[in-house]
Protein backbone atom coordinates (compact mmCIF):
# COMPACT_ATOMS: atom_id res chain seq x y z
CA MET A 1 -25.07 -60.79 31.42
CA TYR A 2 -25.71 -57.50 33.22
CA GLN A 3 -25.71 -59.30 36.56
CA ARG A 4 -22.31 -60.81 35.81
CA ASN A 5 -20.80 -57.41 34.97
CA LYS A 6 -22.33 -55.94 38.11
CA ALA A 7 -20.79 -58.72 40.21
CA GLU A 8 -17.36 -58.13 38.62
CA VAL A 9 -17.59 -54.40 39.34
CA LEU A 10 -18.53 -55.10 42.95
CA LYS A 11 -15.55 -57.46 43.30
CA LEU A 12 -13.27 -54.76 41.90
CA LEU A 13 -14.70 -52.17 44.30
CA ASP A 14 -14.21 -54.56 47.22
CA ALA A 15 -10.59 -55.06 46.21
CA LEU A 16 -10.07 -51.29 45.90
CA ARG A 17 -11.71 -50.74 49.29
CA ASP A 18 -9.39 -53.32 50.87
CA PHE A 19 -6.37 -51.74 49.16
CA TYR A 20 -7.41 -48.30 50.44
CA GLY A 21 -7.85 -49.73 53.94
CA ILE A 22 -4.26 -51.01 53.90
CA PHE A 23 -2.50 -48.02 52.32
CA GLY A 24 -4.86 -45.06 51.95
CA ALA A 25 -6.38 -44.86 55.43
CA LYS A 26 -3.00 -44.25 57.05
CA HIS A 27 -1.91 -41.62 54.49
CA PRO A 28 -5.01 -40.22 52.73
CA THR A 29 -3.32 -37.20 51.10
CA LEU A 30 -0.34 -39.17 49.86
CA SER A 31 -2.55 -41.95 48.52
CA MET A 32 -4.72 -39.41 46.69
CA VAL A 33 -1.63 -37.81 45.08
CA VAL A 34 -0.30 -41.23 44.04
CA ALA A 35 -3.70 -42.20 42.60
CA MET A 36 -3.87 -38.92 40.66
CA ILE A 37 -0.36 -39.42 39.24
CA LEU A 38 -1.18 -43.00 38.22
CA GLY A 39 -4.44 -41.87 36.61
CA ALA A 40 -2.69 -39.07 34.74
CA GLY A 41 -0.04 -41.50 33.52
CA ILE A 42 -2.63 -43.96 32.26
CA ALA A 43 -4.66 -41.20 30.58
CA GLY A 44 -1.48 -39.78 29.02
CA GLY A 45 -0.59 -43.20 27.67
CA PHE A 46 -3.97 -43.56 26.01
CA TRP A 47 -3.63 -40.02 24.61
CA ARG A 48 -0.21 -40.84 23.09
CA LEU A 49 -1.62 -44.05 21.64
CA ALA A 50 -4.43 -42.08 20.01
CA ALA A 51 -1.91 -39.56 18.64
CA TYR A 52 0.26 -42.34 17.21
CA SER A 53 -2.76 -43.96 15.57
CA TYR A 54 -3.90 -40.62 14.13
CA GLU A 55 -0.46 -39.77 12.72
CA LYS A 56 -0.14 -43.24 11.20
CA GLU A 57 -3.50 -42.83 9.45
CA LEU A 58 -2.59 -39.30 8.34
CA ARG A 59 0.70 -40.52 6.81
CA LYS A 60 -1.18 -43.28 4.99
CA GLU A 61 -3.68 -40.77 3.55
CA SER A 62 -0.99 -38.28 2.51
CA SER A 63 1.05 -40.99 0.76
CA ALA A 64 -2.07 -42.05 -1.12
CA GLN A 65 -2.68 -38.45 -2.20
CA GLN A 66 0.95 -37.97 -3.28
CA SER A 67 0.85 -41.06 -5.46
CA SER A 68 -2.30 -39.85 -7.23
CA VAL A 69 -1.12 -36.25 -7.87
CA PRO A 70 1.27 -35.84 -10.83
CA SER A 71 4.48 -33.94 -10.21
CA SER A 72 4.73 -30.32 -11.36
CA VAL A 73 6.74 -30.05 -14.59
CA THR A 74 8.10 -26.74 -15.79
CA GLY A 75 7.93 -25.68 -19.40
CA PRO A 76 10.86 -24.94 -21.70
CA ALA A 77 12.92 -21.80 -21.14
CA THR A 78 12.07 -18.90 -23.43
CA THR A 79 13.76 -15.57 -24.18
CA SER A 80 12.89 -12.50 -26.18
CA GLY A 81 14.82 -9.30 -26.87
CA ASN A 82 18.47 -8.44 -26.42
CA GLN A 83 20.05 -9.42 -23.13
CA SER A 84 16.81 -11.03 -21.90
CA PRO A 85 17.22 -13.73 -19.25
CA ALA A 86 15.63 -17.11 -19.78
CA ASN A 87 12.27 -17.45 -18.03
CA THR A 88 11.05 -20.84 -16.88
CA GLY A 89 7.81 -21.74 -15.18
CA ASN A 90 4.69 -23.85 -15.18
CA GLY A 91 2.25 -21.21 -16.40
CA ASN A 92 1.47 -19.90 -12.94
CA VAL A 93 4.89 -19.05 -11.51
CA PHE A 94 7.80 -17.72 -13.55
CA ASN A 95 11.43 -17.76 -12.46
CA SER A 96 13.75 -15.35 -14.26
CA GLY A 97 16.93 -16.86 -12.87
CA GLU A 98 17.98 -13.60 -11.24
CA PRO A 99 17.46 -13.10 -7.53
CA ALA A 100 15.31 -10.19 -6.42
CA ALA A 101 17.24 -7.03 -5.60
CA PRO A 102 17.60 -6.51 -1.86
CA SER A 103 15.40 -3.74 -0.60
CA LYS A 104 17.15 -0.75 0.96
CA GLN A 105 16.28 -0.21 4.58
CA PRO A 106 15.79 3.39 5.59
CA SER A 107 18.47 4.65 7.92
CA LYS A 108 17.41 5.41 11.45
CA PRO A 109 17.67 9.05 12.55
CA ARG A 110 20.20 9.68 15.25
């Protein structure tokens, strides 16, 4: 089996050598630039394929996690005291219903 692979590689190298003899020997710099661009394009294609595969797997894992995690439910609104706003929350975060007062920015000296 190893001998067969070696023979196939040698055939490929012979074909590449013949191809270089036709095109590359006359224009070595141009042929090198073209070969580098082709190689970069092929490598970039494989890189994008790997990225697509990774993102697909990541989406599958995140959808599995979302289906297993229950949604966050807030508790009932409660008030106490006169003119007290209703507070809602889930035990960790409380929302009073009133936006935070904007902070005053100090004026710049002139």
